């Protein structure tokens, strides 16, 4: 089954045999533990997935089979023969398990502690929720997960998101919107003004911090990239035109009565206006749209970027999908596409435009929940001149339960007398407009914490290698037809050590394969060597072996197509070939 050219044929035979044996009813008679290492029928994976789904529906996060946890079983099955067929189902279960395990929010005090905690750990809950739905939506027949989906939705909303946002806004209101985090209005001063090299700034609309972490980790795996990530606090209200204005160089930022953002008294709504402001601070600078350069050839890119000390590239994938009613449920797909597009752009500009220093950030983040709010949960009575789903600006604060407010002057750093009002929780104001699943503009870690990823790249080739494996068991003799051996992945996967997969089996001195073929994917990133150890089971052909002949354990690296391990052994199987009686 591990030989690529026979995989499809094996699947056909497996399916035929399973049906002829009435496999589903036969599996029902077996203890579930006996199926964990079975890899012959797709029905086994389906059975295990059903068992794990039921355990999670009951919030039994400690459930194990043969000592393996639910995430461990999922990770193992994804690497087996039918792993590709059940990939999305396994990821749904893994992410659901993580949400149920990590998602009970515990409030803490002090806004700076909240920011650090979110940037260090809590962002993972939002990421797990995002990946839960990304894979759930990829399953064509996902009705079997609907009960689990409802549990995850309720758990995420009530045990994590609502509590985290209330905690955030209680503390942010106490400091009147101020924190020790880098403020979005200081972005240009901190990261651009004193830079000694040319910089490309990529602003990905609505790339919240947790999505930025995914991009950061992707860049860390790229041998040509050296990346660091920091968290930045966006302006409030956290909407596009305000965030985009705050990222520009400026002496003053103002908001007109109609909500228009003015940078040094000038409008900054479109590309040309932003470029005019940029060039008043840095003469050799440009502002361009990602869509205008994504298909350019190398010569065209060099012409666009040549001679410019600062280039702002505006990328819009997440907000473009999330802000529309008919596509807001595609926002998590858009997040994955945004990560891939920004990474590809960095590689392209490195190789084709000779750029080597990049900053990736965003104008704001977002909150997304799959289940819409019912009408009774929307906040009414806000009559401010400027109002969105998650904010209201007026001369007076909105006076209603569950509403906090901050002076606008604290954000603009001027004497503006107006007040920004916002829901303390995840509720929204009752206003006309687009969807309700995807929202931004308000105050929450998801909306206001955005990434600043500093990337340095190298042009040309960087030496890499594939992860190697070694035999740990001190074995020179095989005495049983069924044998288990211990191995270790010698190095963790990193930017210069790439994952690969190995075929591991036994052969005779005339290259006859005498055992099953074990497929191992070397993808472990753990720095602890003990966590990179693994055990494989080998079943030998039932035949007569000659102790005077040579036999070998061998491993082949699939990506390189070469043998990487050869270990000589003696076959001393006492009763092989029908116990030696030739019956």
Protein backbone atom coordinates (compact mmCIF):
# COMPACT_ATOMS: atom_id res chain seq x y z
CA UNK A 1 0.00 0.00 0.00
CA UNK A 2 3.00 2.32 0.46
CA UNK A 3 4.10 2.00 -3.16
CA UNK A 4 2.71 5.03 -4.99
CA UNK A 5 1.96 3.35 -8.31
CA UNK A 6 -0.21 0.71 -6.59
CA UNK A 7 -2.08 3.00 -4.16
CA UNK A 8 -5.21 3.43 -6.27
CA UNK A 9 -5.39 -0.27 -7.00
CA UNK A 10 -4.94 -1.07 -3.32
CA UNK A 11 -7.79 1.33 -2.46
CA UNK A 12 -10.07 -0.47 -4.94
CA UNK A 13 -9.24 -3.89 -3.53
CA UNK A 14 -9.56 -2.65 0.06
CA UNK A 15 -12.99 -1.17 -0.63
CA UNK A 16 -14.16 -4.32 -2.42
CA UNK A 17 -13.02 -6.63 0.39
CA UNK A 18 -14.53 -4.34 3.05
CA UNK A 19 -17.91 -4.43 1.31
CA UNK A 20 -17.81 -8.20 0.74
CA UNK A 21 -17.00 -8.79 4.40
CA UNK A 22 -19.74 -6.39 5.50
CA UNK A 23 -16.87 -4.57 7.16
CA UNK A 24 -18.89 -2.00 9.08
CA UNK A 25 -20.77 -4.65 11.05
CA UNK A 26 -17.58 -6.66 11.58
CA UNK A 27 -15.75 -3.64 12.99
CA UNK A 28 -18.65 -3.00 15.35
CA UNK A 29 -17.92 -6.35 17.03
CA UNK A 30 -14.29 -5.44 17.75
CA UNK A 31 -13.01 -3.39 20.69
CA UNK A 32 -12.10 0.09 19.43
CA UNK A 33 -8.58 -0.27 20.89
CA UNK A 34 -7.83 -3.07 18.44
CA UNK A 35 -8.27 -0.70 15.47
CA UNK A 36 -5.73 1.97 16.41
CA UNK A 37 -2.88 0.41 14.43
CA UNK A 38 -5.00 -1.11 11.66
CA UNK A 39 -4.35 0.50 8.30
CA UNK A 40 -6.02 -1.74 5.74
CA UNK A 41 -9.56 -0.32 5.40
CA UNK A 42 -10.84 3.25 5.16
CA UNK A 43 -13.71 2.07 7.33
CA UNK A 44 -11.28 1.79 10.25
CA UNK A 45 -10.48 5.50 10.02
CA UNK A 46 -14.19 6.31 9.82
CA UNK A 47 -14.82 4.20 12.92
CA UNK A 48 -12.03 5.89 14.88
CA UNK A 49 -13.22 9.34 13.82
CA UNK A 50 -16.75 8.52 14.97
CA UNK A 51 -15.41 7.36 18.36
CA UNK A 52 -13.28 10.50 18.81
CA UNK A 53 -16.17 12.75 17.77
CA UNK A 54 -18.42 11.20 20.42
CA UNK A 55 -15.74 11.63 23.09
CA UNK A 56 -15.35 15.33 22.24
CA UNK A 57 -19.10 15.89 22.11
CA UNK A 58 -19.07 14.76 25.75
CA UNK A 59 -16.05 17.04 26.43
CA UNK A 60 -13.97 13.97 27.30
CA UNK A 61 -10.63 15.57 26.42
CA UNK A 62 -8.67 12.96 28.41
CA UNK A 63 -9.90 10.04 26.30
CA UNK A 64 -7.16 7.68 25.10
CA UNK A 65 -6.79 4.52 23.04
CA UNK A 66 -3.76 2.36 23.74
CA UNK A 67 -2.19 5.31 25.55
CA UNK A 68 -2.71 7.72 22.63
CA UNK A 69 -4.66 10.96 23.09
CA UNK A 70 -7.17 12.19 20.52
CA UNK A 71 -4.65 14.64 18.96
CA UNK A 72 -2.07 11.84 18.93
CA UNK A 73 -4.43 9.44 17.16
CA UNK A 74 -5.35 12.13 14.61
CA UNK A 75 -1.72 13.01 13.91
CA UNK A 76 -0.90 9.33 13.50
CA UNK A 77 -3.85 8.56 11.19
CA UNK A 78 -3.03 11.53 8.95
CA UNK A 79 0.29 9.88 8.18
CA UNK A 80 -1.26 6.51 7.38
CA UNK A 81 -2.40 5.21 4.01
CA UNK A 82 -5.88 6.76 4.15
CA UNK A 83 -4.62 9.95 5.80
CA UNK A 84 -5.32 12.19 2.81
CA UNK A 85 -8.91 10.94 2.61
CA UNK A 86 -9.61 11.89 6.25
CA UNK A 87 -7.22 14.84 6.58
CA UNK A 88 -9.89 17.49 7.18
CA UNK A 89 -11.81 15.30 9.63
CA UNK A 90 -8.66 14.75 11.68
CA UNK A 91 -7.86 18.47 11.75
CA UNK A 92 -11.43 19.26 12.84
CA UNK A 93 -10.99 16.91 15.80
CA UNK A 94 -7.50 18.16 16.68
CA UNK A 95 -8.62 21.80 16.73
CA UNK A 96 -11.81 20.99 18.62
CA UNK A 97 -9.73 19.17 21.25
CA UNK A 98 -7.42 22.18 21.62
CA UNK A 99 -10.33 24.61 22.02
CA UNK A 100 -11.94 22.44 24.70
CA UNK A 101 -8.58 21.94 26.43
CA UNK A 102 -7.27 25.52 26.35
CA UNK A 103 -10.32 27.70 25.82
CA UNK A 104 -11.67 28.30 29.33
CA UNK A 105 -10.63 31.90 29.83
CA UNK A 106 -9.27 33.05 33.17
CA UNK A 107 -9.44 36.84 33.64
CA UNK A 108 -6.29 38.71 34.66
CA UNK A 109 -5.68 42.33 35.61
CA UNK A 110 -3.71 45.12 33.90
CA UNK A 111 -4.01 45.82 30.18
CA UNK A 112 -0.27 45.28 29.60
CA UNK A 113 -0.49 41.82 31.14
CA UNK A 114 -3.49 41.10 28.90
CA UNK A 115 -1.59 42.11 25.78
CA UNK A 116 1.41 39.98 26.71
CA UNK A 117 -0.77 36.98 27.55
CA UNK A 118 -2.63 37.26 24.26
CA UNK A 119 0.56 37.66 22.21
CA UNK A 120 2.22 34.72 23.99
CA UNK A 121 -0.59 32.16 24.34
CA UNK A 122 -4.21 33.25 24.04
CA UNK A 123 -3.98 33.96 20.30
CA UNK A 124 -3.82 30.19 19.85
CA UNK A 125 -7.51 29.83 20.79
CA UNK A 126 -8.54 32.17 17.97
CA UNK A 127 -6.23 30.31 15.62
CA UNK A 128 -7.66 26.92 16.60
CA UNK A 129 -11.18 28.26 16.07
CA UNK A 130 -10.15 29.56 12.65
CA UNK A 131 -8.67 26.22 11.62
CA UNK A 132 -11.64 24.29 13.04
CA UNK A 133 -13.95 26.05 10.59
CA UNK A 134 -11.43 26.06 7.75
CA UNK A 135 -11.36 22.26 7.81
CA UNK A 136 -15.03 21.84 8.76
CA UNK A 137 -16.04 23.80 5.67
CA UNK A 138 -13.71 21.64 3.55
CA UNK A 139 -15.62 18.44 4.40
CA UNK A 140 -18.25 17.80 1.76
CA UNK A 141 -20.47 15.76 4.09
CA UNK A 142 -19.98 17.40 7.48
CA UNK A 143 -23.38 16.69 9.09
CA UNK A 144 -21.70 14.13 11.35
CA UNK A 145 -19.79 16.97 12.99
CA UNK A 146 -22.76 19.32 13.47
CA UNK A 147 -23.27 18.48 17.14
CA UNK A 148 -19.56 19.01 17.77
CA UNK A 149 -19.67 22.26 15.79
CA UNK A 150 -22.48 23.58 17.98
CA UNK A 151 -20.49 22.68 21.09
CA UNK A 152 -17.34 24.40 19.80
CA UNK A 153 -19.30 27.50 18.76
CA UNK A 154 -20.92 27.83 22.18
CA UNK A 155 -17.70 27.01 24.02
CA UNK A 156 -15.59 29.48 22.03
CA UNK A 157 -18.17 32.26 22.33
CA UNK A 158 -19.16 31.85 25.97
CA UNK A 159 -16.12 30.31 27.67
CA UNK A 160 -13.44 32.22 25.81
CA UNK A 161 -14.34 35.11 23.51
CA UNK A 162 -16.97 36.93 25.60
CA UNK A 163 -14.92 36.63 28.78
CA UNK A 164 -11.67 37.68 27.09
CA UNK A 165 -13.25 40.75 25.47
CA UNK A 166 -14.98 41.88 28.68
CA UNK A 167 -11.69 41.48 30.56
CA UNK A 168 -9.89 43.50 27.84
CA UNK A 169 -12.39 46.35 27.80
CA UNK A 170 -12.70 46.59 31.57
CA UNK A 171 -8.95 47.13 31.83
CA UNK A 172 -8.63 49.28 28.69
CA UNK A 173 -11.37 51.63 29.94
CA UNK A 174 -9.50 52.01 33.24
CA UNK A 175 -6.42 53.28 31.38
CA UNK A 176 -8.55 55.36 28.99
CA UNK A 177 -7.25 53.41 26.02
CA UNK A 178 -3.55 53.65 26.86
CA UNK A 179 -1.07 50.77 27.16
CA UNK A 180 2.66 50.15 27.01
CA UNK A 181 2.35 48.37 23.63
CA UNK A 182 3.58 50.08 20.49
CA UNK A 183 0.75 52.30 19.28
CA UNK A 184 -0.25 52.20 15.62
CA UNK A 185 0.17 55.97 15.42
CA UNK A 186 3.88 55.47 16.27
CA UNK A 187 4.53 52.88 13.56
CA UNK A 188 6.37 55.11 11.10
CA UNK A 189 8.44 56.81 13.81
CA UNK A 190 9.50 53.55 15.43
CA UNK A 191 10.11 51.32 12.41
CA UNK A 192 10.68 53.51 9.32
CA UNK A 193 12.03 56.97 10.07
CA UNK A 194 15.51 55.97 11.25
CA UNK A 195 15.97 52.90 9.04
CA UNK A 196 19.31 52.72 7.27
CA UNK A 197 18.21 50.41 4.45
CA UNK A 198 15.39 50.37 1.94
CA UNK A 199 12.15 48.96 3.33
CA UNK A 200 9.04 47.45 1.77
CA UNK A 201 6.02 47.79 4.07
CA UNK A 202 3.23 45.30 3.31
CA UNK A 203 -0.08 46.30 4.89
CA UNK A 204 -2.50 43.39 4.76
CA UNK A 205 -6.01 44.66 5.49
CA UNK A 206 -7.51 42.96 8.60
CA UNK A 207 -4.56 40.64 9.25
CA UNK A 208 -5.14 40.27 12.98
CA UNK A 209 -2.30 39.22 15.26
CA UNK A 210 -3.07 35.48 15.27
CA UNK A 211 -3.06 35.37 11.45
CA UNK A 212 0.21 37.28 11.54
CA UNK A 213 1.63 34.59 13.80
CA UNK A 214 0.80 32.01 11.14
CA UNK A 215 2.67 34.09 8.54
CA UNK A 216 5.57 34.57 10.96
CA UNK A 217 5.88 30.81 11.49
CA UNK A 218 5.74 30.25 7.75
CA UNK A 219 8.58 32.74 7.29
CA UNK A 220 10.61 31.04 10.02
CA UNK A 221 10.45 27.82 8.02
CA UNK A 222 11.86 29.60 4.95
CA UNK A 223 15.63 29.18 4.91
CA UNK A 224 16.03 32.54 3.14
CA UNK A 225 14.08 34.53 5.76
CA UNK A 226 14.99 35.79 9.22
CA UNK A 227 11.84 37.09 10.91
CA UNK A 228 10.78 38.56 14.25
CA UNK A 229 7.27 39.47 15.36
CA UNK A 230 5.94 42.11 17.76
CA UNK A 231 2.44 43.10 18.76
CA UNK A 232 1.03 46.57 18.08
CA UNK A 233 -2.16 48.20 19.38
CA UNK A 234 -4.37 49.67 16.68
CA UNK A 235 -6.36 52.86 16.85
CA UNK A 236 -9.95 52.87 18.11
CA UNK A 237 -12.33 52.72 16.26
CA UNK A 238 -10.45 49.89 14.57
CA UNK A 239 -11.57 50.43 10.98
CA UNK A 240 -9.68 50.69 7.71
CA UNK A 241 -9.43 54.39 6.94
CA UNK A 242 -8.32 55.22 10.49
CA UNK A 243 -5.75 52.41 10.65
CA UNK A 244 -4.35 53.22 7.21
CA UNK A 245 -3.95 56.87 8.19
CA UNK A 246 -2.24 55.98 11.47
CA UNK A 247 0.42 53.94 9.62
CA UNK A 248 1.48 56.94 7.52
CA UNK A 249 4.12 59.42 8.67
CA UNK A 250 2.44 62.37 10.36
CA UNK A 251 2.62 65.21 12.79
CA UNK A 252 -1.13 65.29 13.38
CA UNK A 253 -4.11 63.01 12.76
CA UNK A 254 -7.65 64.34 12.84
CA UNK A 255 -11.12 62.92 12.29
CA UNK A 256 -13.66 65.20 10.62
CA UNK A 257 -17.29 65.42 11.74
CA UNK A 258 -18.14 63.08 8.87
CA UNK A 259 -15.48 60.53 9.91
CA UNK A 260 -12.89 61.41 7.24
CA UNK A 261 -9.29 60.90 8.43
CA UNK A 262 -6.89 63.80 7.86
CA UNK A 263 -3.12 63.33 8.12
CA UNK A 264 -1.36 66.67 8.63
CA UNK A 265 -4.60 68.22 7.49
CA UNK A 266 -4.67 66.24 4.22
CA UNK A 267 -7.08 63.45 3.19
CA UNK A 268 -5.61 59.93 2.91
CA UNK A 269 -8.46 57.89 1.46
CA UNK A 270 -6.85 56.76 -1.79
CA UNK A 271 -3.44 55.62 -3.00
CA UNK A 272 -2.43 58.93 -4.56
CA UNK A 273 -3.27 60.89 -1.41
CA UNK A 274 -1.26 58.48 0.74
CA UNK A 275 1.70 58.67 -1.62
CA UNK A 276 1.65 62.47 -1.49
CA UNK A 277 1.83 62.33 2.31
CA UNK A 278 4.61 59.71 2.20
CA UNK A 279 6.72 61.74 -0.21
CA UNK A 280 6.45 64.83 2.00
CA UNK A 281 8.48 62.85 4.58
CA UNK A 282 10.53 60.53 2.36
CA UNK A 283 11.09 61.90 -1.14
CA UNK A 284 11.99 58.53 -2.64
CA UNK A 285 8.88 56.60 -1.68
CA UNK A 286 5.82 55.02 -3.29
CA UNK A 287 2.42 53.57 -2.42
CA UNK A 288 1.16 50.73 -4.60
CA UNK A 289 -1.58 48.12 -4.64
CA UNK A 290 -0.71 44.43 -4.40
CA UNK A 291 -3.10 43.65 -7.24
CA UNK A 292 -1.16 46.01 -9.54
CA UNK A 293 2.15 44.21 -9.05
CA UNK A 294 1.25 40.57 -8.34
CA UNK A 295 1.54 39.54 -12.01
CA UNK A 296 4.49 41.75 -12.94
CA UNK A 297 7.65 40.26 -14.41
CA UNK A 298 11.08 40.87 -12.88
CA UNK A 299 11.99 43.82 -15.10
CA UNK A 300 8.70 45.57 -14.37
CA UNK A 301 9.12 45.02 -10.62
CA UNK A 302 12.64 46.45 -10.69
CA UNK A 303 11.34 49.57 -12.42
CA UNK A 304 8.61 50.03 -9.80
CA UNK A 305 10.87 49.55 -6.77
CA UNK A 306 14.20 50.94 -8.02
CA UNK A 307 15.47 53.99 -6.16
CA UNK A 308 12.72 54.00 -3.53
CA UNK A 309 13.75 54.02 0.12
CA UNK A 310 10.23 53.18 1.34
CA UNK A 311 7.44 51.44 -0.53
CA UNK A 312 4.02 50.80 1.01
CA UNK A 313 2.24 47.83 -0.60
CA UNK A 314 -1.48 47.58 0.18
CA UNK A 315 -2.81 44.03 0.23
CA UNK A 316 -6.52 43.30 0.65
CA UNK A 317 -7.67 39.71 0.84
CA UNK A 318 -9.18 39.22 4.32
CA UNK A 319 -11.25 42.40 4.61
CA UNK A 320 -12.36 42.22 0.98
CA UNK A 321 -14.08 38.89 1.67
CA UNK A 322 -15.12 39.41 5.28
CA UNK A 323 -16.82 42.75 4.73
CA UNK A 324 -19.30 41.39 2.19
CA UNK A 325 -22.46 39.62 3.31
CA UNK A 326 -22.25 36.91 0.66
CA UNK A 327 -18.58 36.05 1.36
CA UNK A 328 -18.06 36.77 5.08
CA UNK A 329 -18.10 33.03 5.90
CA UNK A 330 -15.10 32.64 3.58
CA UNK A 331 -12.95 34.88 5.75
CA UNK A 332 -10.89 32.03 7.22
CA UNK A 333 -10.09 30.78 3.71
CA UNK A 334 -9.09 34.35 2.89
CA UNK A 335 -6.73 34.34 5.90
CA UNK A 336 -4.86 31.33 4.51
CA UNK A 337 -4.70 32.91 1.08
CA UNK A 338 -3.43 36.17 2.58
CA UNK A 339 -0.61 34.35 4.38
CA UNK A 340 0.41 32.56 1.17
CA UNK A 341 0.18 35.71 -0.96
CA UNK A 342 2.27 37.85 1.40
CA UNK A 343 4.91 35.12 1.75
CA UNK A 344 5.05 34.69 -2.03
CA UNK A 345 5.32 38.46 -2.52
CA UNK A 346 8.29 38.65 -0.15
CA UNK A 347 10.05 35.85 -2.05
CA UNK A 348 9.25 37.44 -5.40
CA UNK A 349 10.49 40.90 -4.44
CA UNK A 350 13.65 39.38 -2.99
CA UNK A 351 14.53 37.53 -6.18
CA UNK A 352 13.11 39.92 -8.79
CA UNK A 353 13.33 43.41 -7.27
CA UNK A 354 16.47 42.97 -5.13
CA UNK A 355 14.65 43.85 -1.91
CA UNK A 356 15.79 42.34 1.39
CA UNK A 357 14.00 44.16 4.21
CA UNK A 358 10.24 43.93 4.76
CA UNK A 359 7.75 44.95 7.42
CA UNK A 360 4.34 43.27 7.46
CA UNK A 361 1.50 44.82 9.44
CA UNK A 362 -2.23 45.60 9.28
CA UNK A 363 -4.72 48.41 9.68
CA UNK A 364 -6.93 46.44 12.11
CA UNK A 365 -8.04 42.93 13.03
CA UNK A 366 -11.51 41.40 13.28
CA UNK A 367 -13.92 39.25 15.27
CA UNK A 368 -15.61 36.37 13.51
CA UNK A 369 -18.29 34.04 14.89
CA UNK A 370 -20.13 31.53 12.75
CA UNK A 371 -23.53 31.88 14.44
CA UNK A 372 -25.25 35.23 13.91
CA UNK A 373 -26.57 37.36 16.77
CA UNK A 374 -30.30 37.31 17.32
CA UNK A 375 -32.06 40.68 17.05
CA UNK A 376 -32.70 40.85 20.80
CA UNK A 377 -28.94 40.85 21.49
CA UNK A 378 -28.20 43.92 19.36
CA UNK A 379 -27.63 47.22 21.15
CA UNK A 380 -30.19 49.90 20.32
CA UNK A 381 -30.55 53.58 21.19
CA UNK A 382 -27.21 54.86 19.89
CA UNK A 383 -27.92 58.05 17.94
CA UNK A 384 -24.35 59.18 17.34
CA UNK A 385 -23.34 60.86 14.08
CA UNK A 386 -20.67 58.22 13.39
CA UNK A 387 -21.70 54.67 14.17
CA UNK A 388 -20.75 51.17 13.04
CA UNK A 389 -21.48 47.68 14.27
CA UNK A 390 -18.79 47.91 16.93
CA UNK A 391 -18.33 51.62 17.70
CA UNK A 392 -20.10 54.97 18.01
CA UNK A 393 -18.54 58.45 18.05
CA UNK A 394 -20.32 61.52 19.33
CA UNK A 395 -20.13 64.52 21.59
CA UNK A 396 -21.54 62.39 24.40
CA UNK A 397 -21.01 58.79 25.41
CA UNK A 398 -23.66 56.18 24.64
CA UNK A 399 -25.51 55.66 27.91
CA UNK A 400 -26.52 52.00 27.97
CA UNK A 401 -25.65 48.85 29.86
CA UNK A 402 -22.62 47.03 28.52
CA UNK A 403 -21.08 50.11 26.85
CA UNK A 404 -17.66 51.60 27.66
CA UNK A 405 -16.17 54.82 26.33
CA UNK A 406 -12.82 56.50 25.82
CA UNK A 407 -12.02 60.13 24.92
CA UNK A 408 -11.17 60.37 21.21
CA UNK A 409 -8.41 62.86 22.07
CA UNK A 410 -6.44 60.06 23.78
CA UNK A 411 -6.23 58.23 20.45
CA UNK A 412 -5.77 61.23 18.15
CA UNK A 413 -3.42 62.94 20.64
CA UNK A 414 -5.17 66.25 20.23
CA UNK A 415 -7.99 68.13 21.92
CA UNK A 416 -10.93 66.53 20.09
CA UNK A 417 -13.87 66.70 22.55
CA UNK A 418 -15.76 63.67 21.20
CA UNK A 419 -16.10 60.27 22.81
CA UNK A 420 -15.66 56.77 21.35
CA UNK A 421 -18.27 54.36 22.73
CA UNK A 422 -18.02 50.60 22.22
CA UNK A 423 -19.60 47.36 23.50
CA UNK A 424 -17.77 45.90 26.48
CA UNK A 425 -18.52 42.42 25.14
CA UNK A 426 -18.86 41.04 21.62
CA UNK A 427 -22.29 42.57 20.97
CA UNK A 428 -22.95 44.95 18.10
CA UNK A 429 -24.96 48.10 17.63
CA UNK A 430 -28.13 47.73 15.63
CA UNK A 431 -27.20 49.52 12.42
CA UNK A 432 -27.82 48.83 8.74
CA UNK A 433 -24.94 47.39 6.78
CA UNK A 434 -23.16 44.21 5.78
CA UNK A 435 -22.88 40.93 7.65
CA UNK A 436 -22.76 40.19 11.35
CA UNK A 437 -20.44 37.18 11.48
CA UNK A 438 -17.37 39.24 10.54
CA UNK A 439 -17.05 42.58 12.36
CA UNK A 440 -14.38 45.08 13.28
CA UNK A 441 -14.16 48.68 14.44
CA UNK A 442 -14.58 47.89 18.11
CA UNK A 443 -12.35 47.15 21.06
CA UNK A 444 -11.04 43.63 21.62
CA UNK A 445 -7.70 41.81 21.34
CA UNK A 446 -8.95 40.28 18.08
CA UNK A 447 -9.74 43.69 16.56
CA UNK A 448 -6.99 45.86 18.05
CA UNK A 449 -3.90 43.67 18.36
CA UNK A 450 -2.06 43.51 15.05
CA UNK A 451 1.33 42.13 14.04
CA UNK A 452 4.52 43.88 13.06
CA UNK A 453 6.69 41.26 11.36
CA UNK A 454 10.25 42.36 10.57
CA UNK A 455 11.69 40.21 7.77
CA UNK A 456 15.24 40.13 6.40
CA UNK A 457 15.80 37.96 3.34
CA UNK A 458 18.75 36.49 1.50
CA UNK A 459 19.00 36.21 -2.24
CA UNK A 460 20.50 33.09 -3.78
CA UNK A 461 20.75 29.58 -2.48
CA UNK A 462 20.90 28.62 1.19
CA UNK A 463 22.19 25.18 2.08
CA UNK A 464 19.45 22.93 3.46
CA UNK A 465 19.15 19.27 4.32
CA UNK A 466 16.34 16.84 5.01
CA UNK A 467 15.62 15.48 8.48
CA UNK A 468 17.57 12.27 9.02
CA UNK A 469 16.66 9.20 11.05
CA UNK A 470 18.78 6.68 12.96
CA UNK A 471 18.20 3.29 14.53
CA UNK A 472 18.14 3.42 18.34
CA UNK A 473 17.56 -0.27 19.10
CA UNK A 474 20.83 -2.17 19.47
CA UNK A 475 19.70 -5.03 17.25
CA UNK A 476 21.94 -7.38 15.32
CA UNK A 477 19.64 -10.41 15.24
CA UNK A 478 15.97 -10.97 14.40
CA UNK A 479 14.42 -13.93 16.23
CA UNK A 480 10.69 -13.40 15.62
CA UNK A 481 8.54 -12.88 12.56
CA UNK A 482 7.04 -9.82 14.24
CA UNK A 483 9.56 -7.31 15.61
CA UNK A 484 9.40 -3.72 16.86
CA UNK A 485 12.36 -1.35 16.62
CA UNK A 486 12.98 2.15 17.99
CA UNK A 487 14.27 5.01 15.83
CA UNK A 488 14.98 8.70 16.28
CA UNK A 489 14.70 11.71 14.01
CA UNK A 490 18.19 13.08 14.60
CA UNK A 491 17.38 16.80 14.19
CA UNK A 492 14.23 18.88 14.55
CA UNK A 493 12.70 20.30 11.38
CA UNK A 494 13.64 23.97 10.96
CA UNK A 495 14.28 26.57 8.28
CA UNK A 496 17.38 24.68 7.12
CA UNK A 497 16.33 21.12 8.04
CA UNK A 498 13.34 20.19 5.90
CA UNK A 499 10.79 17.46 6.48
CA UNK A 500 10.81 14.38 4.32
CA UNK A 501 9.39 10.86 4.36
CA UNK A 502 11.11 7.50 4.57
CA UNK A 503 10.28 3.99 3.46
CA UNK A 504 11.80 1.59 6.02
CA UNK A 505 11.93 -2.18 5.51
CA UNK A 506 14.17 -5.27 5.49
CA UNK A 507 15.84 -6.84 2.46
CA UNK A 508 18.06 -9.82 1.72
CA UNK A 509 21.52 -9.61 0.16
CA UNK A 510 19.92 -10.12 -3.28
CA UNK A 511 17.48 -7.19 -2.65
CA UNK A 512 14.40 -9.32 -1.96
CA UNK A 513 12.04 -7.38 0.32
CA UNK A 514 11.39 -9.64 3.32
CA UNK A 515 9.22 -7.41 5.50
CA UNK A 516 6.39 -4.92 5.31
CA UNK A 517 7.25 -1.37 4.19
CA UNK A 518 6.83 1.21 6.95
CA UNK A 519 6.23 4.81 5.85
CA UNK A 520 7.55 7.43 8.29
CA UNK A 521 7.15 11.18 7.85
CA UNK A 522 10.06 13.02 9.45
CA UNK A 523 8.34 16.27 10.41
CA UNK A 524 8.93 16.63 14.16
CA UNK A 525 10.01 20.09 15.33
CA UNK A 526 10.61 19.23 18.98
CA UNK A 527 14.01 20.23 20.33
CA UNK A 528 13.73 17.49 22.98
CA UNK A 529 15.30 14.38 21.42
CA UNK A 530 13.02 12.06 23.39
CA UNK A 531 9.99 13.56 21.64
CA UNK A 532 11.51 12.76 18.23
CA UNK A 533 11.79 9.03 18.94
CA UNK A 534 9.36 6.64 17.28
CA UNK A 535 8.69 2.92 17.13
CA UNK A 536 7.92 0.83 14.04
CA UNK A 537 6.58 -2.69 13.76
CA UNK A 538 7.90 -5.09 11.15
CA UNK A 539 6.26 -8.32 9.99
CA UNK A 540 8.57 -10.68 8.11
CA UNK A 541 7.76 -13.12 5.37
CA UNK A 542 7.05 -16.58 6.71
CA UNK A 543 9.89 -18.42 4.98
CA UNK A 544 13.11 -20.26 5.68
CA UNK A 545 16.03 -17.89 6.40
CA UNK A 546 19.71 -18.75 6.07
CA UNK A 547 21.84 -17.55 8.99
CA UNK A 548 24.91 -17.50 6.77
CA UNK A 549 23.34 -14.94 4.38
CA UNK A 550 23.30 -11.22 4.94
CA UNK A 551 20.09 -9.29 5.58
CA UNK A 552 19.66 -5.56 6.02
CA UNK A 553 17.37 -2.96 7.52
CA UNK A 554 17.22 -0.12 5.00
CA UNK A 555 15.61 3.33 4.83
CA UNK A 556 15.00 5.34 1.66
CA UNK A 557 14.47 9.11 1.62
CA UNK A 558 11.53 9.70 -0.75
CA UNK A 559 12.47 13.27 -1.62
CA UNK A 560 16.10 12.52 -2.41
CA UNK A 561 15.41 9.07 -3.83
CA UNK A 562 18.42 7.59 -2.08
CA UNK A 563 19.17 5.03 0.60
CA UNK A 564 20.08 6.77 3.86
CA UNK A 565 20.29 3.85 6.29
CA UNK A 566 21.63 0.29 5.98
CA UNK A 567 22.01 -1.87 9.06
CA UNK A 568 23.14 -5.50 8.78
CA UNK A 569 21.26 -8.10 10.80
CA UNK A 570 21.15 -11.89 11.20
CA UNK A 571 17.85 -13.69 10.60
CA UNK A 572 17.60 -16.37 13.30
CA UNK A 573 13.91 -17.25 13.18
CA UNK A 574 13.53 -20.66 14.78
CA UNK A 575 10.28 -22.00 13.34
CA UNK A 576 9.71 -20.11 10.13
CA UNK A 577 8.09 -21.69 7.06
CA UNK A 578 5.28 -23.64 8.79
CA UNK A 579 7.42 -24.27 11.87
CA UNK A 580 10.01 -26.21 9.87
CA UNK A 581 7.76 -29.25 9.32
CA UNK A 582 6.90 -28.49 5.67
CA UNK A 583 3.27 -29.44 6.29
